[in-house]
Amino acid sequence: MQRPLIVILSFLAFLPGLAFAQEEDLTKIKEQELEEVRARINDLKESMDRSASSRDRITGELQSAEVQMSEKRLRLKELERERDY
């Protein structure tokens, strides 16, 4: 009768080690998931930076085109005045 008790006690002594191993595995999985999230955030930041740079470049080109159009309008008005004068 004592033998089953030893088996049960041995099994109970093994459980904390098993729980620790499972907790350690879970921690590794969570760390890996966290690293994947960090990498995704980094990718998104880089994408946003590229988008912002592109937006800034296009905005500058648009402003330059608007200035040129304004100058051309002024020149056109001058030419019309000269012609009508």
C-alpha atoms as a PDB file:
ATOM      1  CA  MET A   1       0.000   0.000   0.000  1.00  0.00           C
ATOM      2  CA  GLN A   2       2.929   2.285   0.597  1.00  0.00           C
ATOM      3  CA  ARG A   3       4.134   2.025  -3.001  1.00  0.00           C
ATOM      4  CA  PRO A   4       1.165   3.922  -4.544  1.00  0.00           C
ATOM      5  CA  LEU A   5       1.693   6.670  -1.986  1.00  0.00           C
ATOM      6  CA  ILE A   6       5.336   7.022  -3.041  1.00  0.00           C
ATOM      7  CA  VAL A   7       4.270   7.189  -6.691  1.00  0.00           C
ATOM      8  CA  ILE A   8       1.699   9.875  -5.884  1.00  0.00           C
ATOM      9  CA  LEU A   9       4.182  11.867  -3.807  1.00  0.00           C
ATOM     10  CA  SER A  10       6.808  11.575  -6.551  1.00  0.00           C
ATOM     11  CA  PHE A  11       4.274  12.818  -9.095  1.00  0.00           C
ATOM     12  CA  LEU A  12       3.285  15.717  -6.852  1.00  0.00           C
ATOM     13  CA  ALA A  13       6.943  16.633  -6.419  1.00  0.00           C
ATOM     14  CA  PHE A  14       7.289  16.641 -10.232  1.00  0.00           C
ATOM     15  CA  LEU A  15       4.323  19.019 -10.801  1.00  0.00           C
ATOM     16  CA  PRO A  16       6.026  22.273  -9.743  1.00  0.00           C
ATOM     17  CA  GLY A  17       8.862  21.570 -12.163  1.00  0.00           C
ATOM     18  CA  LEU A  18       6.370  20.865 -14.919  1.00  0.00           C
ATOM     19  CA  ALA A  19       4.454  24.050 -14.142  1.00  0.00           C
ATOM     20  CA  PHE A  20       7.707  26.026 -14.171  1.00  0.00           C
ATOM     21  CA  ALA A  21       8.652  24.544 -17.561  1.00  0.00           C
ATOM     22  CA  GLN A  22       5.229  25.422 -18.964  1.00  0.00           C
ATOM     23  CA  GLU A  23       5.509  28.933 -17.541  1.00  0.00           C
ATOM     24  CA  GLU A  24       8.974  29.277 -19.058  1.00  0.00           C
ATOM     25  CA  ASP A  25       7.654  28.135 -22.460  1.00  0.00           C
ATOM     26  CA  LEU A  26       4.762  30.596 -22.179  1.00  0.00           C
ATOM     27  CA  THR A  27       7.199  33.378 -21.314  1.00  0.00           C
ATOM     28  CA  LYS A  28       9.306  32.572 -24.385  1.00  0.00           C
ATOM     29  CA  ILE A  29       6.202  32.597 -26.586  1.00  0.00           C
ATOM     30  CA  LYS A  30       5.077  35.934 -25.148  1.00  0.00           C
ATOM     31  CA  GLU A  31       8.561  37.400 -25.621  1.00  0.00           C
ATOM     32  CA  GLN A  32       8.548  36.243 -29.249  1.00  0.00           C
ATOM     33  CA  GLU A  33       5.093  37.746 -29.794  1.00  0.00           C
ATOM     34  CA  LEU A  34       6.261  41.006 -28.218  1.00  0.00           C
ATOM     35  CA  GLU A  35       9.313  41.082 -30.477  1.00  0.00           C
ATOM     36  CA  GLU A  36       7.073  40.517 -33.520  1.00  0.00           C
ATOM     37  CA  VAL A  37       4.829  43.404 -32.434  1.00  0.00           C
ATOM     38  CA  ARG A  38       7.875  45.637 -31.957  1.00  0.00           C
ATOM     39  CA  ALA A  39       9.133  44.726 -35.437  1.00  0.00           C
ATOM     40  CA  ARG A  40       5.705  45.486 -36.937  1.00  0.00           C
ATOM     41  CA  ILE A  41       5.605  48.853 -35.134  1.00  0.00           C
ATOM     42  CA  ASN A  42       9.082  49.626 -36.464  1.00  0.00           C
ATOM     43  CA  ASP A  43       7.991  48.711 -40.010  1.00  0.00           C
ATOM     44  CA  LEU A  44       4.931  50.950 -39.684  1.00  0.00           C
ATOM     45  CA  LYS A  45       7.046  53.850 -38.398  1.00  0.00           C
ATOM     46  CA  GLU A  46       9.412  53.493 -41.352  1.00  0.00           C
ATOM     47  CA  SER A  47       6.460  53.395 -43.745  1.00  0.00           C
ATOM     48  CA  MET A  48       4.984  56.501 -42.140  1.00  0.00           C
ATOM     49  CA  ASP A  49       8.343  58.281 -42.421  1.00  0.00           C
ATOM     50  CA  ARG A  50       8.551  57.417 -46.120  1.00  0.00           C
ATOM     51  CA  SER A  51       4.975  58.599 -46.640  1.00  0.00           C
ATOM     52  CA  ALA A  52       5.691  61.854 -44.809  1.00  0.00           C
ATOM     53  CA  SER A  53       8.817  62.459 -46.896  1.00  0.00           C
ATOM     54  CA  SER A  54       6.892  61.803 -50.076  1.00  0.00           C
ATOM     55  CA  ARG A  55       4.063  64.079 -48.933  1.00  0.00           C
ATOM     56  CA  ASP A  56       6.539  66.855 -48.093  1.00  0.00           C
ATOM     57  CA  ARG A  57       8.238  66.528 -51.479  1.00  0.00           C
ATOM     58  CA  ILE A  58       4.926  66.627 -53.356  1.00  0.00           C
ATOM     59  CA  THR A  59       3.733  69.576 -51.269  1.00  0.00           C
ATOM     60  CA  GLY A  60       6.913  71.463 -52.165  1.00  0.00           C
ATOM     61  CA  GLU A  61       6.421  70.688 -55.853  1.00  0.00           C
ATOM     62  CA  LEU A  62       2.808  71.865 -55.658  1.00  0.00           C
ATOM     63  CA  GLN A  63       3.807  75.123 -53.971  1.00  0.00           C
ATOM     64  CA  SER A  64       6.462  75.704 -56.612  1.00  0.00           C
ATOM     65  CA  ALA A  65       3.925  75.061 -59.394  1.00  0.00           C
ATOM     66  CA  GLU A  66       1.467  77.469 -57.741  1.00  0.00           C
ATOM     67  CA  VAL A  67       4.138  80.191 -57.565  1.00  0.00           C
ATOM     68  CA  GLN A  68       4.990  79.651 -61.231  1.00  0.00           C
ATOM     69  CA  MET A  69       1.311  79.827 -62.199  1.00  0.00           C
ATOM     70  CA  SER A  70       0.898  83.044 -60.229  1.00  0.00           C
ATOM     71  CA  GLU A  71       3.928  84.567 -61.957  1.00  0.00           C
ATOM     72  CA  LYS A  72       2.556  83.526 -65.363  1.00  0.00           C
ATOM     73  CA  ARG A  73      -0.832  85.077 -64.565  1.00  0.00           C
ATOM     74  CA  LEU A  74       0.853  88.335 -63.611  1.00  0.00           C
ATOM     75  CA  ARG A  75       2.895  88.290 -66.816  1.00  0.00           C
ATOM     76  CA  LEU A  76      -0.252  87.548 -68.844  1.00  0.00           C
ATOM     77  CA  LYS A  77      -2.033  90.511 -67.255  1.00  0.00           C
ATOM     78  CA  GLU A  78       0.959  92.733 -68.059  1.00  0.00           C
ATOM     79  CA  LEU A  79       0.903  91.596 -71.683  1.00  0.00           C
ATOM     80  CA  GLU A  80      -2.852  92.193 -71.907  1.00  0.00           C
ATOM     81  CA  ARG A  81      -2.410  95.722 -70.505  1.00  0.00           C
ATOM     82  CA  GLU A  82       0.369  96.450 -72.983  1.00  0.00           C
ATOM     83  CA  ARG A  83      -1.738  95.147 -75.815  1.00  0.00           C
ATOM     84  CA  ASP A  84      -4.785  97.213 -74.744  1.00  0.00           C
ATOM     85  CA  TYR A  85      -2.752 100.347 -74.088  1.00  0.00           C
END
